[in-house]
Amino acid sequence: MANDFGGGILRGQATATSTSNVELIAAQAAGVKTRITDIAITNDGATDTHVIIKDGTSEVFRYPAPANGGAIHPLQTPIEGTAATAINVALADALASGESVIVSATGYQHQP
């Protein structure tokens, strides 16, 4: 699906349970950046934590993920990733067994 920004619409979802990186949106082709415009977070566990949005392995944003809660974050300014680099998520704190945080994101490809 094309958009007015020169690329396709992107959607991704990741389930995180620990401080390890989980891919949210795969790396795009060489020279193509990912721009995230909306993020939704759901924490189904009893542990408060923070979701860390990463450009590859570098932290670019951090959102609270309260226990048994969630939030939707429409971004005024998109989070722009480095070309040909995955957008990953990790948690600031590992969760107990059986708990998880689900992160969904939408955005678009951008080729400057």
PDB file of N, CA and C in Angstrom:
ATOM      1  N   MET A   1       0.849  -1.166   0.000  1.00  0.00           N
ATOM      2  CA  MET A   1       0.000   0.000   0.000  1.00  0.00           C
ATOM      3  C   MET A   1       0.900   1.237   0.000  1.00  0.00           C
ATOM      4  N   ALA A   2       0.787   2.098  -0.955  1.00  0.00           N
ATOM      5  CA  ALA A   2       1.604   3.303  -1.046  1.00  0.00           C
ATOM      6  C   ALA A   2       0.974   4.425  -0.230  1.00  0.00           C
ATOM      7  N   ASN A   3       1.791   5.413   0.104  1.00  0.00           N
ATOM      8  CA  ASN A   3       1.296   6.586   0.822  1.00  0.00           C
ATOM      9  C   ASN A   3       1.864   7.850   0.197  1.00  0.00           C
ATOM     10  N   ASP A   4       1.541   8.989   0.769  1.00  0.00           N
ATOM     11  CA  ASP A   4       2.018  10.267   0.235  1.00  0.00           C
ATOM     12  C   ASP A   4       3.461  10.571   0.601  1.00  0.00           C
ATOM     13  N   PHE A   5       4.113   9.672   1.322  1.00  0.00           N
ATOM     14  CA  PHE A   5       5.466   9.925   1.787  1.00  0.00           C
ATOM     15  C   PHE A   5       6.494   9.123   1.006  1.00  0.00           C
ATOM     16  N   GLY A   6       6.076   8.464  -0.051  1.00  0.00           N
ATOM     17  CA  GLY A   6       7.025   7.774  -0.916  1.00  0.00           C
ATOM     18  C   GLY A   6       7.271   6.325  -0.558  1.00  0.00           C
ATOM     19  N   GLY A   7       6.455   5.740   0.305  1.00  0.00           N
ATOM     20  CA  GLY A   7       6.700   4.350   0.666  1.00  0.00           C
ATOM     21  C   GLY A   7       5.434   3.660   1.096  1.00  0.00           C
ATOM     22  N   GLY A   8       5.584   2.425   1.517  1.00  0.00           N
ATOM     23  CA  GLY A   8       4.440   1.629   1.930  1.00  0.00           C
ATOM     24  C   GLY A   8       4.108   1.797   3.402  1.00  0.00           C
ATOM     25  N   ILE A   9       2.882   1.464   3.743  1.00  0.00           N
ATOM     26  CA  ILE A   9       2.428   1.468   5.124  1.00  0.00           C
ATOM     27  C   ILE A   9       3.039   0.256   5.829  1.00  0.00           C
ATOM     28  N   LEU A  10       3.482   0.440   7.063  1.00  0.00           N
ATOM     29  CA  LEU A  10       4.103  -0.628   7.840  1.00  0.00           C
ATOM     30  C   LEU A  10       3.286  -0.900   9.097  1.00  0.00           C
ATOM     31  N   ARG A  11       3.179  -2.166   9.455  1.00  0.00           N
ATOM     32  CA  ARG A  11       2.528  -2.578  10.688  1.00  0.00           C
ATOM     33  C   ARG A  11       3.371  -3.676  11.314  1.00  0.00           C
ATOM     34  N   GLY A  12       3.458  -3.637  12.638  1.00  0.00           N
ATOM     35  CA  GLY A  12       4.198  -4.688  13.320  1.00  0.00           C
ATOM     36  C   GLY A  12       3.645  -4.936  14.703  1.00  0.00           C
ATOM     37  N   GLN A  13       3.898  -6.127  15.216  1.00  0.00           N
ATOM     38  CA  GLN A  13       3.492  -6.477  16.569  1.00  0.00           C
ATOM     39  C   GLN A  13       4.547  -7.382  17.173  1.00  0.00           C
ATOM     40  N   ALA A  14       4.851  -7.149  18.443  1.00  0.00           N
ATOM     41  CA  ALA A  14       5.854  -7.957  19.138  1.00  0.00           C
ATOM     42  C   ALA A  14       5.356  -8.257  20.539  1.00  0.00           C
ATOM     43  N   THR A  15       5.694  -9.438  21.033  1.00  0.00           N
ATOM     44  CA  THR A  15       5.398  -9.816  22.404  1.00  0.00           C
ATOM     45  C   THR A  15       6.710  -9.875  23.165  1.00  0.00           C
ATOM     46  N   ALA A  16       6.815  -9.047  24.201  1.00  0.00           N
ATOM     47  CA  ALA A  16       8.045  -8.961  24.988  1.00  0.00           C
ATOM     48  C   ALA A  16       7.804  -9.499  26.395  1.00  0.00           C
ATOM     49  N   THR A  17       8.792 -10.204  26.924  1.00  0.00           N
ATOM     50  CA  THR A  17       8.701 -10.744  28.278  1.00  0.00           C
ATOM     51  C   THR A  17       9.949 -10.444  29.105  1.00  0.00           C
ATOM     52  N   SER A  18      10.976  -9.872  28.454  1.00  0.00           N
ATOM     53  CA  SER A  18      12.254  -9.673  29.140  1.00  0.00           C
ATOM     54  C   SER A  18      12.960  -8.426  28.605  1.00  0.00           C
ATOM     55  N   THR A  19      14.190  -8.248  29.035  1.00  0.00           N
ATOM     56  CA  THR A  19      14.993  -7.106  28.596  1.00  0.00           C
ATOM     57  C   THR A  19      15.675  -7.364  27.254  1.00  0.00           C
ATOM     58  N   SER A  20      15.448  -8.524  26.660  1.00  0.00           N
ATOM     59  CA  SER A  20      16.032  -8.849  25.350  1.00  0.00           C
ATOM     60  C   SER A  20      15.253  -8.173  24.231  1.00  0.00           C
ATOM     61  N   ASN A  21      15.956  -7.827  23.146  1.00  0.00           N
ATOM     62  CA  ASN A  21      15.315  -7.210  21.987  1.00  0.00           C
ATOM     63  C   ASN A  21      14.391  -8.193  21.277  1.00  0.00           C
ATOM     64  N   VAL A  22      13.225  -7.657  20.847  1.00  0.00           N
ATOM     65  CA  VAL A  22      12.277  -8.397  20.021  1.00  0.00           C
ATOM     66  C   VAL A  22      11.950  -7.506  18.832  1.00  0.00           C
ATOM     67  N   GLU A  23      11.985  -8.065  17.630  1.00  0.00           N
ATOM     68  CA  GLU A  23      11.725  -7.273  16.427  1.00  0.00           C
ATOM     69  C   GLU A  23      10.260  -6.843  16.356  1.00  0.00           C
ATOM     70  N   LEU A  24      10.048  -5.539  16.215  1.00  0.00           N
ATOM     71  CA  LEU A  24       8.711  -4.977  16.057  1.00  0.00           C
ATOM     72  C   LEU A  24       8.396  -4.767  14.579  1.00  0.00           C
ATOM     73  N   ILE A  25       9.319  -4.143  13.851  1.00  0.00           N
ATOM     74  CA  ILE A  25       9.192  -3.958  12.401  1.00  0.00           C
ATOM     75  C   ILE A  25      10.543  -4.287  11.779  1.00  0.00           C
ATOM     76  N   ALA A  26      10.520  -5.156  10.793  1.00  0.00           N
ATOM     77  CA  ALA A  26      11.748  -5.621  10.149  1.00  0.00           C
ATOM     78  C   ALA A  26      12.482  -4.471   9.461  1.00  0.00           C
ATOM     79  N   ALA A  27      13.773  -4.653   9.307  1.00  0.00           N
ATOM     80  CA  ALA A  27      14.587  -3.689   8.563  1.00  0.00           C
ATOM     81  C   ALA A  27      14.058  -3.572   7.139  1.00  0.00           C
ATOM     82  N   GLN A  28      14.054  -2.361   6.623  1.00  0.00           N
ATOM     83  CA  GLN A  28      13.631  -2.107   5.254  1.00  0.00           C
ATOM     84  C   GLN A  28      14.843  -2.238   4.331  1.00  0.00           C
ATOM     85  N   ALA A  29      14.646  -2.052   3.052  1.00  0.00           N
ATOM     86  CA  ALA A  29      15.729  -2.159   2.069  1.00  0.00           C
ATOM     87  C   ALA A  29      16.775  -1.069   2.293  1.00  0.00           C
ATOM     88  N   ALA A  30      17.922  -1.237   1.672  1.00  0.00           N
ATOM     89  CA  ALA A  30      18.986  -0.242   1.762  1.00  0.00           C
ATOM     90  C   ALA A  30      18.453   1.132   1.373  1.00  0.00           C
ATOM     91  N   GLY A  31      18.749   2.132   2.187  1.00  0.00           N
ATOM     92  CA  GLY A  31      18.329   3.498   1.906  1.00  0.00           C
ATOM     93  C   GLY A  31      16.907   3.834   2.333  1.00  0.00           C
ATOM     94  N   VAL A  32      16.163   2.853   2.852  1.00  0.00           N
ATOM     95  CA  VAL A  32      14.768   3.069   3.250  1.00  0.00           C
ATOM     96  C   VAL A  32      14.670   3.075   4.773  1.00  0.00           C
ATOM     97  N   LYS A  33      14.066   4.146   5.302  1.00  0.00           N
ATOM     98  CA  LYS A  33      13.890   4.297   6.740  1.00  0.00           C
ATOM     99  C   LYS A  33      12.477   3.906   7.148  1.00  0.00           C
ATOM    100  N   THR A  34      12.330   3.542   8.402  1.00  0.00           N
ATOM    101  CA  THR A  34      11.020   3.281   8.993  1.00  0.00           C
ATOM    102  C   THR A  34      10.629   4.492   9.824  1.00  0.00           C
ATOM    103  N   ARG A  35       9.387   4.946   9.651  1.00  0.00           N
ATOM    104  CA  ARG A  35       8.847   6.017  10.488  1.00  0.00           C
ATOM    105  C   ARG A  35       7.617   5.464  11.215  1.00  0.00           C
ATOM    106  N   ILE A  36       7.673   5.472  12.538  1.00  0.00           N
ATOM    107  CA  ILE A  36       6.581   4.978  13.373  1.00  0.00           C
ATOM    108  C   ILE A  36       5.672   6.156  13.723  1.00  0.00           C
ATOM    109  N   THR A  37       4.364   5.986  13.482  1.00  0.00           N
ATOM    110  CA  THR A  37       3.408   7.062  13.760  1.00  0.00           C
ATOM    111  C   THR A  37       2.474   6.767  14.927  1.00  0.00           C
ATOM    112  N   ASP A  38       2.280   5.499  15.258  1.00  0.00           N
ATOM    113  CA  ASP A  38       1.380   5.126  16.348  1.00  0.00           C
ATOM    114  C   ASP A  38       1.904   3.880  17.046  1.00  0.00           C
ATOM    115  N   ILE A  39       1.775   3.884  18.381  1.00  0.00           N
ATOM    116  CA  ILE A  39       2.205   2.734  19.170  1.00  0.00           C
ATOM    117  C   ILE A  39       1.099   2.400  20.166  1.00  0.00           C
ATOM    118  N   ALA A  40       0.768   1.120  20.289  1.00  0.00           N
ATOM    119  CA  ALA A  40      -0.181   0.641  21.290  1.00  0.00           C
ATOM    120  C   ALA A  40       0.527  -0.397  22.159  1.00  0.00           C
ATOM    121  N   ILE A  41       0.310  -0.281  23.465  1.00  0.00           N
ATOM    122  CA  ILE A  41       0.983  -1.162  24.422  1.00  0.00           C
ATOM    123  C   ILE A  41      -0.066  -1.784  25.343  1.00  0.00           C
ATOM    124  N   THR A  42       0.046  -3.094  25.566  1.00  0.00           N
ATOM    125  CA  THR A  42      -0.818  -3.797  26.507  1.00  0.00           C
ATOM    126  C   THR A  42       0.048  -4.660  27.413  1.00  0.00           C
ATOM    127  N   ASN A  43      -0.097  -4.469  28.715  1.00  0.00           N
ATOM    128  CA  ASN A  43       0.620  -5.277  29.699  1.00  0.00           C
ATOM    129  C   ASN A  43      -0.402  -6.176  30.382  1.00  0.00           C
ATOM    130  N   ASP A  44      -0.320  -7.490  30.153  1.00  0.00           N
ATOM    131  CA  ASP A  44      -1.303  -8.408  30.730  1.00  0.00           C
ATOM    132  C   ASP A  44      -0.862  -8.981  32.068  1.00  0.00           C
ATOM    133  N   GLY A  45       0.263  -8.490  32.588  1.00  0.00           N
ATOM    134  CA  GLY A  45       0.799  -9.046  33.823  1.00  0.00           C
ATOM    135  C   GLY A  45       0.621  -8.141  35.032  1.00  0.00           C
ATOM    136  N   ALA A  46       1.140  -8.601  36.162  1.00  0.00           N
ATOM    137  CA  ALA A  46       1.047  -7.877  37.428  1.00  0.00           C
ATOM    138  C   ALA A  46       2.309  -7.074  37.730  1.00  0.00           C
ATOM    139  N   THR A  47       3.213  -6.976  36.754  1.00  0.00           N
ATOM    140  CA  THR A  47       4.479  -6.277  36.943  1.00  0.00           C
ATOM    141  C   THR A  47       4.500  -4.972  36.160  1.00  0.00           C
ATOM    142  N   ASP A  48       4.742  -3.853  36.848  1.00  0.00           N
ATOM    143  CA  ASP A  48       4.952  -2.575  36.162  1.00  0.00           C
ATOM    144  C   ASP A  48       6.293  -2.621  35.448  1.00  0.00           C
ATOM    145  N   THR A  49       6.357  -2.057  34.263  1.00  0.00           N
ATOM    146  CA  THR A  49       7.616  -1.984  33.527  1.00  0.00           C
ATOM    147  C   THR A  49       7.561  -0.810  32.560  1.00  0.00           C
ATOM    148  N   HIS A  50       8.576  -0.664  31.759  1.00  0.00           N
ATOM    149  CA  HIS A  50       8.618   0.318  30.673  1.00  0.00           C
ATOM    150  C   HIS A  50       8.958  -0.415  29.388  1.00  0.00           C
ATOM    151  N   VAL A  51       8.336   0.005  28.288  1.00  0.00           N
ATOM    152  CA  VAL A  51       8.660  -0.514  26.966  1.00  0.00           C
ATOM    153  C   VAL A  51       9.705   0.403  26.352  1.00  0.00           C
ATOM    154  N   ILE A  52      10.777  -0.172  25.875  1.00  0.00           N
ATOM    155  CA  ILE A  52      11.848   0.592  25.245  1.00  0.00           C
ATOM    156  C   ILE A  52      11.779   0.351  23.741  1.00  0.00           C
ATOM    157  N   ILE A  53      11.566   1.422  22.986  1.00  0.00           N
ATOM    158  CA  ILE A  53      11.554   1.353  21.526  1.00  0.00           C
ATOM    159  C   ILE A  53      12.989   1.610  21.072  1.00  0.00           C
ATOM    160  N   LYS A  54      13.489   0.742  20.196  1.00  0.00           N
ATOM    161  CA  LYS A  54      14.888   0.839  19.773  1.00  0.00           C
ATOM    162  C   LYS A  54      15.029   0.913  18.257  1.00  0.00           C
ATOM    163  N   ASP A  55      15.965   1.706  17.830  1.00  0.00           N
ATOM    164  CA  ASP A  55      16.429   1.758  16.444  1.00  0.00           C
ATOM    165  C   ASP A  55      17.607   0.799  16.390  1.00  0.00           C
ATOM    166  N   GLY A  56      17.345  -0.429  15.993  1.00  0.00           N
ATOM    167  CA  GLY A  56      18.379  -1.464  16.096  1.00  0.00           C
ATOM    168  C   GLY A  56      18.570  -1.800  17.568  1.00  0.00           C
ATOM    169  N   THR A  57      19.713  -1.397  18.128  1.00  0.00           N
ATOM    170  CA  THR A  57      19.985  -1.624  19.552  1.00  0.00           C
ATOM    171  C   THR A  57      20.019  -0.330  20.351  1.00  0.00           C
ATOM    172  N   SER A  58      19.775   0.810  19.706  1.00  0.00           N
ATOM    173  CA  SER A  58      19.840   2.114  20.386  1.00  0.00           C
ATOM    174  C   SER A  58      18.457   2.562  20.836  1.00  0.00           C
ATOM    175  N   GLU A  59      18.332   2.890  22.116  1.00  0.00           N
ATOM    176  CA  GLU A  59      17.054   3.361  22.646  1.00  0.00           C
ATOM    177  C   GLU A  59      16.697   4.712  22.041  1.00  0.00           C
ATOM    178  N   VAL A  60      15.447   4.828  21.567  1.00  0.00           N
ATOM    179  CA  VAL A  60      14.970   6.101  21.023  1.00  0.00           C
ATOM    180  C   VAL A  60      13.759   6.636  21.777  1.00  0.00           C
ATOM    181  N   PHE A  61      13.034   5.761  22.486  1.00  0.00           N
ATOM    182  CA  PHE A  61      11.853   6.194  23.225  1.00  0.00           C
ATOM    183  C   PHE A  61      11.561   5.165  24.306  1.00  0.00           C
ATOM    184  N   ARG A  62      10.942   5.636  25.389  1.00  0.00           N
ATOM    185  CA  ARG A  62      10.579   4.752  26.497  1.00  0.00           C
ATOM    186  C   ARG A  62       9.173   5.121  26.963  1.00  0.00           C
ATOM    187  N   TYR A  63       8.322   4.104  27.073  1.00  0.00           N
ATOM    188  CA  TYR A  63       6.934   4.312  27.491  1.00  0.00           C
ATOM    189  C   TYR A  63       6.632   3.480  28.726  1.00  0.00           C
ATOM    190  N   PRO A  64       5.862   4.018  29.683  1.00  0.00           N
ATOM    191  CA  PRO A  64       5.443   3.196  30.818  1.00  0.00           C
ATOM    192  C   PRO A  64       4.440   2.137  30.372  1.00  0.00           C
ATOM    193  N   ALA A  65       4.525   0.981  31.002  1.00  0.00           N
ATOM    194  CA  ALA A  65       3.575  -0.114  30.748  1.00  0.00           C
ATOM    195  C   ALA A  65       3.116  -0.630  32.110  1.00  0.00           C
ATOM    196  N   PRO A  66       2.138   0.047  32.711  1.00  0.00           N
ATOM    197  CA  PRO A  66       1.699  -0.352  34.043  1.00  0.00           C
ATOM    198  C   PRO A  66       1.045  -1.731  34.043  1.00  0.00           C
ATOM    199  N   ALA A  67       1.137  -2.394  35.177  1.00  0.00           N
ATOM    200  CA  ALA A  67       0.553  -3.726  35.332  1.00  0.00           C
ATOM    201  C   ALA A  67      -0.922  -3.713  34.959  1.00  0.00           C
ATOM    202  N   ASN A  68      -1.328  -4.749  34.226  1.00  0.00           N
ATOM    203  CA  ASN A  68      -2.724  -4.912  33.810  1.00  0.00           C
ATOM    204  C   ASN A  68      -3.278  -3.661  33.130  1.00  0.00           C
ATOM    205  N   GLY A  69      -2.443  -2.992  32.367  1.00  0.00           N
ATOM    206  CA  GLY A  69      -2.870  -1.756  31.711  1.00  0.00           C
ATOM    207  C   GLY A  69      -2.404  -1.688  30.282  1.00  0.00           C
ATOM    208  N   GLY A  70      -2.646  -0.540  29.708  1.00  0.00           N
ATOM    209  CA  GLY A  70      -2.233  -0.319  28.336  1.00  0.00           C
ATOM    210  C   GLY A  70      -2.406   1.127  27.954  1.00  0.00           C
ATOM    211  N   ALA A  71      -1.927   1.466  26.790  1.00  0.00           N
ATOM    212  CA  ALA A  71      -2.022   2.838  26.310  1.00  0.00           C
ATOM    213  C   ALA A  71      -1.832   2.856  24.805  1.00  0.00           C
ATOM    214  N   ILE A  72      -2.388   3.879  24.188  1.00  0.00           N
ATOM    215  CA  ILE A  72      -2.188   4.136  22.765  1.00  0.00           C
ATOM    216  C   ILE A  72      -1.469   5.470  22.648  1.00  0.00           C
ATOM    217  N   HIS A  73      -0.420   5.490  21.851  1.00  0.00           N
ATOM    218  CA  HIS A  73       0.401   6.693  21.695  1.00  0.00           C
ATOM    219  C   HIS A  73       0.410   7.132  20.233  1.00  0.00           C
ATOM    220  N   PRO A  74      -0.490   8.048  19.833  1.00  0.00           N
ATOM    221  CA  PRO A  74      -0.396   8.631  18.487  1.00  0.00           C
ATOM    222  C   PRO A  74       0.700   9.698  18.532  1.00  0.00           C
ATOM    223  N   LEU A  75       1.646   9.618  17.652  1.00  0.00           N
ATOM    224  CA  LEU A  75       2.820  10.497  17.714  1.00  0.00           C
ATOM    225  C   LEU A  75       2.646  11.728  16.835  1.00  0.00           C
ATOM    226  N   GLN A  76       2.855  12.893  17.404  1.00  0.00           N
ATOM    227  CA  GLN A  76       2.832  14.141  16.635  1.00  0.00           C
ATOM    228  C   GLN A  76       3.985  14.166  15.636  1.00  0.00           C
ATOM    229  N   THR A  77       5.142  13.710  16.100  1.00  0.00           N
ATOM    230  CA  THR A  77       6.332  13.614  15.255  1.00  0.00           C
ATOM    231  C   THR A  77       6.720  12.145  15.198  1.00  0.00           C
ATOM    232  N   PRO A  78       6.809  11.556  14.016  1.00  0.00           N
ATOM    233  CA  PRO A  78       7.140  10.121  13.921  1.00  0.00           C
ATOM    234  C   PRO A  78       8.517   9.808  14.505  1.00  0.00           C
ATOM    235  N   ILE A  79       8.641   8.597  15.016  1.00  0.00           N
ATOM    236  CA  ILE A  79       9.952   8.078  15.402  1.00  0.00           C
ATOM    237  C   ILE A  79      10.588   7.550  14.124  1.00  0.00           C
ATOM    238  N   GLU A  80      11.731   8.116  13.748  1.00  0.00           N
ATOM    239  CA  GLU A  80      12.392   7.704  12.501  1.00  0.00           C
ATOM    240  C   GLU A  80      13.573   6.809  12.810  1.00  0.00           C
ATOM    241  N   GLY A  81      13.594   5.663  12.173  1.00  0.00           N
ATOM    242  CA  GLY A  81      14.708   4.737  12.332  1.00  0.00           C
ATOM    243  C   GLY A  81      15.785   4.981  11.289  1.00  0.00           C
ATOM    244  N   THR A  82      16.921   4.369  11.510  1.00  0.00           N
ATOM    245  CA  THR A  82      18.028   4.407  10.567  1.00  0.00           C
ATOM    246  C   THR A  82      17.684   3.522   9.373  1.00  0.00           C
ATOM    247  N   ALA A  83      18.107   3.915   8.194  1.00  0.00           N
ATOM    248  CA  ALA A  83      17.839   3.125   6.989  1.00  0.00           C
ATOM    249  C   ALA A  83      18.332   1.690   7.168  1.00  0.00           C
ATOM    250  N   ALA A  84      17.544   0.752   6.660  1.00  0.00           N
ATOM    251  CA  ALA A  84      17.891  -0.672   6.648  1.00  0.00           C
ATOM    252  C   ALA A  84      18.165  -1.230   8.050  1.00  0.00           C
ATOM    253  N   THR A  85      17.446  -0.720   9.049  1.00  0.00           N
ATOM    254  CA  THR A  85      17.634  -1.153  10.437  1.00  0.00           C
ATOM    255  C   THR A  85      16.278  -1.489  11.049  1.00  0.00           C
ATOM    256  N   ALA A  86      16.195  -2.600  11.746  1.00  0.00           N
ATOM    257  CA  ALA A  86      14.946  -3.015  12.376  1.00  0.00           C
ATOM    258  C   ALA A  86      14.576  -2.095  13.537  1.00  0.00           C
ATOM    259  N   ILE A  87      13.277  -1.979  13.772  1.00  0.00           N
ATOM    260  CA  ILE A  87      12.768  -1.330  14.974  1.00  0.00           C
ATOM    261  C   ILE A  87      12.482  -2.457  15.958  1.00  0.00           C
ATOM    262  N   ASN A  88      13.114  -2.387  17.122  1.00  0.00           N
ATOM    263  CA  ASN A  88      12.985  -3.433  18.127  1.00  0.00           C
ATOM    264  C   ASN A  88      12.343  -2.884  19.390  1.00  0.00           C
ATOM    265  N   VAL A  89      11.874  -3.781  20.238  1.00  0.00           N
ATOM    266  CA  VAL A  89      11.378  -3.409  21.556  1.00  0.00           C
ATOM    267  C   VAL A  89      12.014  -4.314  22.593  1.00  0.00           C
ATOM    268  N   ALA A  90      12.126  -3.794  23.801  1.00  0.00           N
ATOM    269  CA  ALA A  90      12.586  -4.564  24.949  1.00  0.00           C
ATOM    270  C   ALA A  90      11.892  -3.973  26.171  1.00  0.00           C
ATOM    271  N   LEU A  91      11.928  -4.691  27.268  1.00  0.00           N
ATOM    272  CA  LEU A  91      11.350  -4.199  28.504  1.00  0.00           C
ATOM    273  C   LEU A  91      12.455  -3.733  29.442  1.00  0.00           C
ATOM    274  N   ALA A  92      12.143  -2.755  30.272  1.00  0.00           N
ATOM    275  CA  ALA A  92      13.120  -2.286  31.254  1.00  0.00           C
ATOM    276  C   ALA A  92      13.295  -3.317  32.365  1.00  0.00           C
ATOM    277  N   ASP A  93      12.240  -4.101  32.623  1.00  0.00           N
ATOM    278  CA  ASP A  93      12.269  -5.113  33.676  1.00  0.00           C
ATOM    279  C   ASP A  93      11.703  -6.414  33.126  1.00  0.00           C
ATOM    280  N   ALA A  94      12.336  -7.516  33.456  1.00  0.00           N
ATOM    281  CA  ALA A  94      11.804  -8.812  33.041  1.00  0.00           C
ATOM    282  C   ALA A  94      10.506  -9.086  33.784  1.00  0.00           C
ATOM    283  N   LEU A  95       9.588  -9.764  33.128  1.00  0.00           N
ATOM    284  CA  LEU A  95       8.300 -10.092  33.721  1.00  0.00           C
ATOM    285  C   LEU A  95       8.326 -11.486  34.340  1.00  0.00           C
ATOM    286  N   ALA A  96       7.348 -11.742  35.180  1.00  0.00           N
ATOM    287  CA  ALA A  96       7.208 -13.065  35.777  1.00  0.00           C
ATOM    288  C   ALA A  96       6.753 -14.056  34.706  1.00  0.00           C
ATOM    289  N   SER A  97       6.950 -15.308  34.970  1.00  0.00           N
ATOM    290  CA  SER A  97       6.538 -16.361  34.041  1.00  0.00           C
ATOM    291  C   SER A  97       5.050 -16.236  33.726  1.00  0.00           C
ATOM    292  N   GLY A  98       4.706 -16.303  32.451  1.00  0.00           N
ATOM    293  CA  GLY A  98       3.320 -16.220  32.010  1.00  0.00           C
ATOM    294  C   GLY A  98       2.833 -14.805  31.737  1.00  0.00           C
ATOM    295  N   GLU A  99       3.609 -13.792  32.102  1.00  0.00           N
ATOM    296  CA  GLU A  99       3.243 -12.397  31.825  1.00  0.00           C
ATOM    297  C   GLU A  99       3.873 -11.954  30.511  1.00  0.00           C
ATOM    298  N   SER A 100       3.240 -10.983  29.849  1.00  0.00           N
ATOM    299  CA  SER A 100       3.821 -10.439  28.623  1.00  0.00           C
ATOM    300  C   SER A 100       3.300  -9.036  28.368  1.00  0.00           C
ATOM    301  N   VAL A 101       4.057  -8.326  27.561  1.00  0.00           N
ATOM    302  CA  VAL A 101       3.656  -7.009  27.073  1.00  0.00           C
ATOM    303  C   VAL A 101       3.593  -7.111  25.553  1.00  0.00           C
ATOM    304  N   ILE A 102       2.459  -6.707  24.983  1.00  0.00           N
ATOM    305  CA  ILE A 102       2.291  -6.721  23.533  1.00  0.00           C
ATOM    306  C   ILE A 102       2.406  -5.290  23.037  1.00  0.00           C
ATOM    307  N   VAL A 103       3.267  -5.089  22.063  1.00  0.00           N
ATOM    308  CA  VAL A 103       3.478  -3.772  21.464  1.00  0.00           C
ATOM    309  C   VAL A 103       3.099  -3.865  19.992  1.00  0.00           C
ATOM    310  N   SER A 104       2.223  -2.964  19.568  1.00  0.00           N
ATOM    311  CA  SER A 104       1.834  -2.874  18.159  1.00  0.00           C
ATOM    312  C   SER A 104       2.228  -1.504  17.649  1.00  0.00           C
ATOM    313  N   ALA A 105       2.608  -1.429  16.392  1.00  0.00           N
ATOM    314  CA  ALA A 105       3.006  -0.149  15.813  1.00  0.00           C
ATOM    315  C   ALA A 105       2.565  -0.058  14.360  1.00  0.00           C
ATOM    316  N   THR A 106       2.284   1.161  13.939  1.00  0.00           N
ATOM    317  CA  THR A 106       2.042   1.432  12.526  1.00  0.00           C
ATOM    318  C   THR A 106       2.945   2.591  12.123  1.00  0.00           C
ATOM    319  N   GLY A 107       3.190   2.659  10.852  1.00  0.00           N
ATOM    320  CA  GLY A 107       4.038   3.722  10.317  1.00  0.00           C
ATOM    321  C   GLY A 107       4.149   3.589   8.817  1.00  0.00           C
ATOM    322  N   TYR A 108       5.235   4.101   8.293  1.00  0.00           N
ATOM    323  CA  TYR A 108       5.418   4.050   6.854  1.00  0.00           C
ATOM    324  C   TYR A 108       6.898   4.040   6.509  1.00  0.00           C
ATOM    325  N   GLN A 109       7.184   3.617   5.280  1.00  0.00           N
ATOM    326  CA  GLN A 109       8.551   3.645   4.748  1.00  0.00           C
ATOM    327  C   GLN A 109       8.851   5.055   4.262  1.00  0.00           C
ATOM    328  N   HIS A 110      10.114   5.458   4.422  1.00  0.00           N
ATOM    329  CA  HIS A 110      10.530   6.767   3.929  1.00  0.00           C
ATOM    330  C   HIS A 110      11.881   6.610   3.248  1.00  0.00           C
ATOM    331  N   GLN A 111      11.953   7.069   2.023  1.00  0.00           N
ATOM    332  CA  GLN A 111      13.231   7.041   1.295  1.00  0.00           C
ATOM    333  C   GLN A 111      13.571   8.476   0.944  1.00  0.00           C
ATOM    334  N   PRO A 112      14.525   9.036   1.690  1.00  0.00           N
ATOM    335  CA  PRO A 112      14.893  10.460   1.454  1.00  0.00           C
ATOM    336  C   PRO A 112      15.490  10.697   0.079  1.00  0.00           C
TER     337      PRO A 112
END
